Amino acid sequence: MTTAAITTITKMMELLPEPTQDQVVEHLRDYIAEMKDEARWDMTFKSSQEQLVKAARRAKQEITAGRAEPMSYNQL
């Protein structure tokens, strides 16, 4: 499916010398991979939001009840 954005990119790329086109493609691959990673992270975070809230409430209750103990980074 060709969109206006793809057509614009194609026209811009056609004006560049081939070595520069190759560089742009590499940058786009990296950029798209980063965007996919961010989208996966966002979905993972959104799907675990309820679990995080429950864990925070449980921790708060344990602290209030005096059952919580401080942890160091070495214990993680």
PDB file of N, CA and C in Angstrom:
ATOM      1  N   MET A   1       0.845  -1.172   0.000  1.00  0.00           N
ATOM      2  CA  MET A   1       0.000   0.000   0.000  1.00  0.00           C
ATOM      3  C   MET A   1       0.893   1.240   0.000  1.00  0.00           C
ATOM      4  N   THR A   2       0.741   2.053  -0.983  1.00  0.00           N
ATOM      5  CA  THR A   2       1.518   3.280  -1.082  1.00  0.00           C
ATOM      6  C   THR A   2       0.706   4.431  -0.519  1.00  0.00           C
ATOM      7  N   THR A   3       1.318   5.121   0.443  1.00  0.00           N
ATOM      8  CA  THR A   3       0.661   6.281   1.035  1.00  0.00           C
ATOM      9  C   THR A   3       1.376   7.538   0.558  1.00  0.00           C
ATOM     10  N   ALA A   4       0.820   8.678   0.897  1.00  0.00           N
ATOM     11  CA  ALA A   4       1.445   9.950   0.530  1.00  0.00           C
ATOM     12  C   ALA A   4       2.826  10.061   1.176  1.00  0.00           C
ATOM     13  N   ALA A   5       2.956   9.560   2.392  1.00  0.00           N
ATOM     14  CA  ALA A   5       4.243   9.625   3.086  1.00  0.00           C
ATOM     15  C   ALA A   5       5.299   8.790   2.361  1.00  0.00           C
ATOM     16  N   ILE A   6       4.915   7.602   1.919  1.00  0.00           N
ATOM     17  CA  ILE A   6       5.860   6.739   1.200  1.00  0.00           C
ATOM     18  C   ILE A   6       6.249   7.380  -0.124  1.00  0.00           C
ATOM     19  N   THR A   7       5.299   7.961  -0.817  1.00  0.00           N
ATOM     20  CA  THR A   7       5.583   8.641  -2.076  1.00  0.00           C
ATOM     21  C   THR A   7       6.550   9.797  -1.853  1.00  0.00           C
ATOM     22  N   THR A   8       6.334  10.562  -0.798  1.00  0.00           N
ATOM     23  CA  THR A   8       7.217  11.687  -0.481  1.00  0.00           C
ATOM     24  C   THR A   8       8.633  11.202  -0.199  1.00  0.00           C
ATOM     25  N   ILE A   9       8.752  10.163   0.620  1.00  0.00           N
ATOM     26  CA  ILE A   9      10.078   9.614   0.947  1.00  0.00           C
ATOM     27  C   ILE A   9      10.767   9.117  -0.326  1.00  0.00           C
ATOM     28  N   THR A  10      10.017   8.435  -1.171  1.00  0.00           N
ATOM     29  CA  THR A  10      10.592   7.911  -2.417  1.00  0.00           C
ATOM     30  C   THR A  10      11.135   9.047  -3.283  1.00  0.00           C
ATOM     31  N   LYS A  11      10.361  10.103  -3.432  1.00  0.00           N
ATOM     32  CA  LYS A  11      10.805  11.248  -4.232  1.00  0.00           C
ATOM     33  C   LYS A  11      12.047  11.894  -3.625  1.00  0.00           C
ATOM     34  N   MET A  12      12.068  12.022  -2.310  1.00  0.00           N
ATOM     35  CA  MET A  12      13.241  12.611  -1.645  1.00  0.00           C
ATOM     36  C   MET A  12      14.473  11.736  -1.860  1.00  0.00           C
ATOM     37  N   MET A  13      14.290  10.421  -1.732  1.00  0.00           N
ATOM     38  CA  MET A  13      15.411   9.489  -1.879  1.00  0.00           C
ATOM     39  C   MET A  13      15.971   9.506  -3.304  1.00  0.00           C
ATOM     40  N   GLU A  14      15.085   9.640  -4.282  1.00  0.00           N
ATOM     41  CA  GLU A  14      15.525   9.638  -5.679  1.00  0.00           C
ATOM     42  C   GLU A  14      16.464  10.792  -5.988  1.00  0.00           C
ATOM     43  N   LEU A  15      16.396  11.878  -5.223  1.00  0.00           N
ATOM     44  CA  LEU A  15      17.258  13.035  -5.452  1.00  0.00           C
ATOM     45  C   LEU A  15      18.665  12.851  -4.869  1.00  0.00           C
ATOM     46  N   LEU A  16      18.833  11.828  -4.046  1.00  0.00           N
ATOM     47  CA  LEU A  16      20.119  11.606  -3.384  1.00  0.00           C
ATOM     48  C   LEU A  16      21.008  10.664  -4.182  1.00  0.00           C
ATOM     49  N   PRO A  17      22.329  10.830  -4.061  1.00  0.00           N
ATOM     50  CA  PRO A  17      23.228   9.851  -4.686  1.00  0.00           C
ATOM     51  C   PRO A  17      23.048   8.486  -4.010  1.00  0.00           C
ATOM     52  N   GLU A  18      23.358   7.426  -4.722  1.00  0.00           N
ATOM     53  CA  GLU A  18      23.113   6.065  -4.219  1.00  0.00           C
ATOM     54  C   GLU A  18      23.788   5.771  -2.880  1.00  0.00           C
ATOM     55  N   PRO A  19      25.056   6.178  -2.680  1.00  0.00           N
ATOM     56  CA  PRO A  19      25.657   5.907  -1.362  1.00  0.00           C
ATOM     57  C   PRO A  19      24.894   6.584  -0.211  1.00  0.00           C
ATOM     58  N   THR A  20      24.391   7.776  -0.475  1.00  0.00           N
ATOM     59  CA  THR A  20      23.609   8.485   0.544  1.00  0.00           C
ATOM     60  C   THR A  20      22.274   7.789   0.750  1.00  0.00           C
ATOM     61  N   GLN A  21      21.683   7.275  -0.316  1.00  0.00           N
ATOM     62  CA  GLN A  21      20.439   6.515  -0.179  1.00  0.00           C
ATOM     63  C   GLN A  21      20.655   5.315   0.741  1.00  0.00           C
ATOM     64  N   ASP A  22      21.788   4.628   0.556  1.00  0.00           N
ATOM     65  CA  ASP A  22      22.101   3.474   1.402  1.00  0.00           C
ATOM     66  C   ASP A  22      22.220   3.886   2.868  1.00  0.00           C
ATOM     67  N   GLN A  23      22.839   5.038   3.110  1.00  0.00           N
ATOM     68  CA  GLN A  23      22.969   5.526   4.485  1.00  0.00           C
ATOM     69  C   GLN A  23      21.599   5.842   5.088  1.00  0.00           C
ATOM     70  N   VAL A  24      20.763   6.467   4.299  1.00  0.00           N
ATOM     71  CA  VAL A  24      19.419   6.819   4.773  1.00  0.00           C
ATOM     72  C   VAL A  24      18.643   5.549   5.110  1.00  0.00           C
ATOM     73  N   VAL A  25      18.755   4.540   4.257  1.00  0.00           N
ATOM     74  CA  VAL A  25      18.061   3.273   4.504  1.00  0.00           C
ATOM     75  C   VAL A  25      18.526   2.664   5.826  1.00  0.00           C
ATOM     76  N   GLU A  26      19.825   2.674   6.078  1.00  0.00           N
ATOM     77  CA  GLU A  26      20.348   2.137   7.341  1.00  0.00           C
ATOM     78  C   GLU A  26      19.798   2.911   8.539  1.00  0.00           C
ATOM     79  N   HIS A  27      19.768   4.235   8.428  1.00  0.00           N
ATOM     80  CA  HIS A  27      19.211   5.057   9.510  1.00  0.00           C
ATOM     81  C   HIS A  27      17.729   4.745   9.726  1.00  0.00           C
ATOM     82  N   LEU A  28      16.996   4.607   8.615  1.00  0.00           N
ATOM     83  CA  LEU A  28      15.571   4.287   8.721  1.00  0.00           C
ATOM     84  C   LEU A  28      15.354   2.924   9.365  1.00  0.00           C
ATOM     85  N   ARG A  29      16.182   1.938   9.010  1.00  0.00           N
ATOM     86  CA  ARG A  29      16.063   0.613   9.627  1.00  0.00           C
ATOM     87  C   ARG A  29      16.253   0.706  11.135  1.00  0.00           C
ATOM     88  N   ASP A  30      17.300   1.437  11.534  1.00  0.00           N
ATOM     89  CA  ASP A  30      17.564   1.601  12.968  1.00  0.00           C
ATOM     90  C   ASP A  30      16.410   2.326  13.648  1.00  0.00           C
ATOM     91  N   TYR A  31      15.944   3.385  13.032  1.00  0.00           N
ATOM     92  CA  TYR A  31      14.857   4.192  13.603  1.00  0.00           C
ATOM     93  C   TYR A  31      13.578   3.366  13.748  1.00  0.00           C
ATOM     94  N   ILE A  32      13.248   2.611  12.703  1.00  0.00           N
ATOM     95  CA  ILE A  32      12.041   1.787  12.740  1.00  0.00           C
ATOM     96  C   ILE A  32      12.166   0.693  13.799  1.00  0.00           C
ATOM     97  N   ALA A  33      13.352   0.102  13.921  1.00  0.00           N
ATOM     98  CA  ALA A  33      13.568  -0.918  14.952  1.00  0.00           C
ATOM     99  C   ALA A  33      13.376  -0.321  16.343  1.00  0.00           C
ATOM    100  N   GLU A  34      13.889   0.898  16.555  1.00  0.00           N
ATOM    101  CA  GLU A  34      13.709   1.565  17.844  1.00  0.00           C
ATOM    102  C   GLU A  34      12.232   1.851  18.122  1.00  0.00           C
ATOM    103  N   MET A  35      11.517   2.284  17.097  1.00  0.00           N
ATOM    104  CA  MET A  35      10.089   2.567  17.264  1.00  0.00           C
ATOM    105  C   MET A  35       9.318   1.295  17.601  1.00  0.00           C
ATOM    106  N   LYS A  36       9.670   0.179  16.968  1.00  0.00           N
ATOM    107  CA  LYS A  36       9.020  -1.093  17.273  1.00  0.00           C
ATOM    108  C   LYS A  36       9.303  -1.498  18.713  1.00  0.00           C
ATOM    109  N   ASP A  37      10.562  -1.323  19.149  1.00  0.00           N
ATOM    110  CA  ASP A  37      10.918  -1.643  20.534  1.00  0.00           C
ATOM    111  C   ASP A  37      10.119  -0.789  21.508  1.00  0.00           C
ATOM    112  N   GLU A  38      10.003   0.496  21.216  1.00  0.00           N
ATOM    113  CA  GLU A  38       9.228   1.391  22.082  1.00  0.00           C
ATOM    114  C   GLU A  38       7.763   0.980  22.120  1.00  0.00           C
ATOM    115  N   ALA A  39       7.220   0.590  20.986  1.00  0.00           N
ATOM    116  CA  ALA A  39       5.818   0.165  20.933  1.00  0.00           C
ATOM    117  C   ALA A  39       5.623  -1.100  21.758  1.00  0.00           C
ATOM    118  N   ARG A  40       6.584  -2.037  21.673  1.00  0.00           N
ATOM    119  CA  ARG A  40       6.499  -3.259  22.477  1.00  0.00           C
ATOM    120  C   ARG A  40       6.569  -2.922  23.960  1.00  0.00           C
ATOM    121  N   TRP A  41       7.484  -2.012  24.327  1.00  0.00           N
ATOM    122  CA  TRP A  41       7.615  -1.600  25.718  1.00  0.00           C
ATOM    123  C   TRP A  41       6.317  -0.961  26.206  1.00  0.00           C
ATOM    124  N   ASP A  42       5.741  -0.075  25.396  1.00  0.00           N
ATOM    125  CA  ASP A  42       4.485   0.581  25.775  1.00  0.00           C
ATOM    126  C   ASP A  42       3.376  -0.444  26.005  1.00  0.00           C
ATOM    127  N   MET A  43       3.271  -1.424  25.114  1.00  0.00           N
ATOM    128  CA  MET A  43       2.238  -2.452  25.255  1.00  0.00           C
ATOM    129  C   MET A  43       2.486  -3.300  26.506  1.00  0.00           C
ATOM    130  N   THR A  44       3.732  -3.652  26.744  1.00  0.00           N
ATOM    131  CA  THR A  44       4.074  -4.437  27.926  1.00  0.00           C
ATOM    132  C   THR A  44       3.748  -3.659  29.189  1.00  0.00           C
ATOM    133  N   PHE A  45       4.116  -2.384  29.210  1.00  0.00           N
ATOM    134  CA  PHE A  45       3.860  -1.547  30.372  1.00  0.00           C
ATOM    135  C   PHE A  45       2.366  -1.387  30.609  1.00  0.00           C
ATOM    136  N   LYS A  46       1.616  -1.127  29.535  1.00  0.00           N
ATOM    137  CA  LYS A  46       0.169  -0.956  29.673  1.00  0.00           C
ATOM    138  C   LYS A  46      -0.496  -2.235  30.159  1.00  0.00           C
ATOM    139  N   SER A  47      -0.037  -3.374  29.668  1.00  0.00           N
ATOM    140  CA  SER A  47      -0.667  -4.638  30.059  1.00  0.00           C
ATOM    141  C   SER A  47      -0.295  -5.044  31.485  1.00  0.00           C
ATOM    142  N   SER A  48       0.783  -4.501  32.021  1.00  0.00           N
ATOM    143  CA  SER A  48       1.186  -4.852  33.381  1.00  0.00           C
ATOM    144  C   SER A  48       0.819  -3.765  34.392  1.00  0.00           C
ATOM    145  N   GLN A  49       0.173  -2.714  33.940  1.00  0.00           N
ATOM    146  CA  GLN A  49      -0.159  -1.577  34.802  1.00  0.00           C
ATOM    147  C   GLN A  49      -0.964  -2.018  36.026  1.00  0.00           C
ATOM    148  N   GLU A  50      -1.962  -2.847  35.818  1.00  0.00           N
ATOM    149  CA  GLU A  50      -2.809  -3.297  36.915  1.00  0.00           C
ATOM    150  C   GLU A  50      -1.995  -4.096  37.933  1.00  0.00           C
ATOM    151  N   GLN A  51      -1.097  -4.951  37.451  1.00  0.00           N
ATOM    152  CA  GLN A  51      -0.249  -5.736  38.349  1.00  0.00           C
ATOM    153  C   GLN A  51       0.683  -4.836  39.150  1.00  0.00           C
ATOM    154  N   LEU A  52       1.209  -3.797  38.508  1.00  0.00           N
ATOM    155  CA  LEU A  52       2.091  -2.865  39.206  1.00  0.00           C
ATOM    156  C   LEU A  52       1.341  -2.116  40.305  1.00  0.00           C
ATOM    157  N   VAL A  53       0.116  -1.718  40.018  1.00  0.00           N
ATOM    158  CA  VAL A  53      -0.694  -1.012  41.016  1.00  0.00           C
ATOM    159  C   VAL A  53      -0.975  -1.931  42.199  1.00  0.00           C
ATOM    160  N   LYS A  54      -1.325  -3.190  41.928  1.00  0.00           N
ATOM    161  CA  LYS A  54      -1.590  -4.151  43.006  1.00  0.00           C
ATOM    162  C   LYS A  54      -0.341  -4.366  43.862  1.00  0.00           C
ATOM    163  N   ALA A  55       0.808  -4.504  43.212  1.00  0.00           N
ATOM    164  CA  ALA A  55       2.058  -4.709  43.950  1.00  0.00           C
ATOM    165  C   ALA A  55       2.383  -3.492  44.807  1.00  0.00           C
ATOM    166  N   ALA A  56       2.150  -2.308  44.290  1.00  0.00           N
ATOM    167  CA  ALA A  56       2.411  -1.081  45.052  1.00  0.00           C
ATOM    168  C   ALA A  56       1.480  -0.994  46.260  1.00  0.00           C
ATOM    169  N   ARG A  57       0.222  -1.344  46.076  1.00  0.00           N
ATOM    170  CA  ARG A  57      -0.730  -1.329  47.200  1.00  0.00           C
ATOM    171  C   ARG A  57      -0.324  -2.332  48.277  1.00  0.00           C
ATOM    172  N   ARG A  58       0.075  -3.530  47.820  1.00  0.00           N
ATOM    173  CA  ARG A  58       0.503  -4.569  48.756  1.00  0.00           C
ATOM    174  C   ARG A  58       1.723  -4.107  49.545  1.00  0.00           C
ATOM    175  N   ALA A  59       2.686  -3.485  48.849  1.00  0.00           N
ATOM    176  CA  ALA A  59       3.886  -2.982  49.514  1.00  0.00           C
ATOM    177  C   ALA A  59       3.526  -1.894  50.519  1.00  0.00           C
ATOM    178  N   LYS A  60       2.624  -1.018  50.130  1.00  0.00           N
ATOM    179  CA  LYS A  60       2.205   0.060  51.034  1.00  0.00           C
ATOM    180  C   LYS A  60       1.542  -0.517  52.282  1.00  0.00           C
ATOM    181  N   GLN A  61       0.714  -1.547  52.107  1.00  0.00           N
ATOM    182  CA  GLN A  61       0.066  -2.192  53.241  1.00  0.00           C
ATOM    183  C   GLN A  61       1.095  -2.850  54.161  1.00  0.00           C
ATOM    184  N   GLU A  62       2.085  -3.511  53.578  1.00  0.00           N
ATOM    185  CA  GLU A  62       3.122  -4.159  54.375  1.00  0.00           C
ATOM    186  C   GLU A  62       3.936  -3.133  55.154  1.00  0.00           C
ATOM    187  N   ILE A  63       4.220  -2.009  54.526  1.00  0.00           N
ATOM    188  CA  ILE A  63       4.961  -0.942  55.215  1.00  0.00           C
ATOM    189  C   ILE A  63       4.130  -0.416  56.384  1.00  0.00           C
ATOM    190  N   THR A  64       2.842  -0.161  56.130  1.00  0.00           N
ATOM    191  CA  THR A  64       1.952   0.355  57.169  1.00  0.00           C
ATOM    192  C   THR A  64       1.835  -0.638  58.331  1.00  0.00           C
ATOM    193  N   ALA A  65       1.794  -1.929  58.023  1.00  0.00           N
ATOM    194  CA  ALA A  65       1.659  -2.965  59.047  1.00  0.00           C
ATOM    195  C   ALA A  65       2.990  -3.279  59.733  1.00  0.00           C
ATOM    196  N   GLY A  66       4.068  -2.651  59.262  1.00  0.00           N
ATOM    197  CA  GLY A  66       5.377  -2.889  59.875  1.00  0.00           C
ATOM    198  C   GLY A  66       6.014  -4.200  59.458  1.00  0.00           C
ATOM    199  N   ARG A  67       5.561  -4.807  58.389  1.00  0.00           N
ATOM    200  CA  ARG A  67       6.114  -6.085  57.930  1.00  0.00           C
ATOM    201  C   ARG A  67       7.185  -5.913  56.854  1.00  0.00           C
ATOM    202  N   ALA A  68       7.444  -4.699  56.439  1.00  0.00           N
ATOM    203  CA  ALA A  68       8.405  -4.458  55.358  1.00  0.00           C
ATOM    204  C   ALA A  68       9.773  -4.137  55.950  1.00  0.00           C
ATOM    205  N   GLU A  69      10.803  -4.563  55.226  1.00  0.00           N
ATOM    206  CA  GLU A  69      12.179  -4.263  55.624  1.00  0.00           C
ATOM    207  C   GLU A  69      12.892  -3.598  54.450  1.00  0.00           C
ATOM    208  N   PRO A  70      13.756  -2.635  54.736  1.00  0.00           N
ATOM    209  CA  PRO A  70      14.501  -1.982  53.651  1.00  0.00           C
ATOM    210  C   PRO A  70      15.363  -3.000  52.907  1.00  0.00           C
ATOM    211  N   MET A  71      15.485  -2.780  51.611  1.00  0.00           N
ATOM    212  CA  MET A  71      16.331  -3.662  50.783  1.00  0.00           C
ATOM    213  C   MET A  71      17.472  -2.846  50.204  1.00  0.00           C
ATOM    214  N   SER A  72      18.586  -3.497  50.011  1.00  0.00           N
ATOM    215  CA  SER A  72      19.708  -2.861  49.334  1.00  0.00           C
ATOM    216  C   SER A  72      19.743  -3.345  47.890  1.00  0.00           C
ATOM    217  N   TYR A  73      20.514  -2.689  47.070  1.00  0.00           N
ATOM    218  CA  TYR A  73      20.636  -3.128  45.667  1.00  0.00           C
ATOM    219  C   TYR A  73      21.233  -4.515  45.578  1.00  0.00           C
ATOM    220  N   ASN A  74      22.016  -4.912  46.530  1.00  0.00           N
ATOM    221  CA  ASN A  74      22.632  -6.239  46.512  1.00  0.00           C
ATOM    222  C   ASN A  74      21.598  -7.348  46.689  1.00  0.00           C
ATOM    223  N   GLN A  75      20.463  -7.037  47.286  1.00  0.00           N
ATOM    224  CA  GLN A  75      19.413  -8.018  47.507  1.00  0.00           C
ATOM    225  C   GLN A  75      18.522  -8.220  46.283  1.00  0.00           C
ATOM    226  N   LEU A  76      18.613  -7.331  45.330  1.00  0.00           N
ATOM    227  CA  LEU A  76      17.739  -7.434  44.148  1.00  0.00           C
ATOM    228  C   LEU A  76      18.124  -8.551  43.242  1.00  0.00           C
TER     229      LEU A  76
END
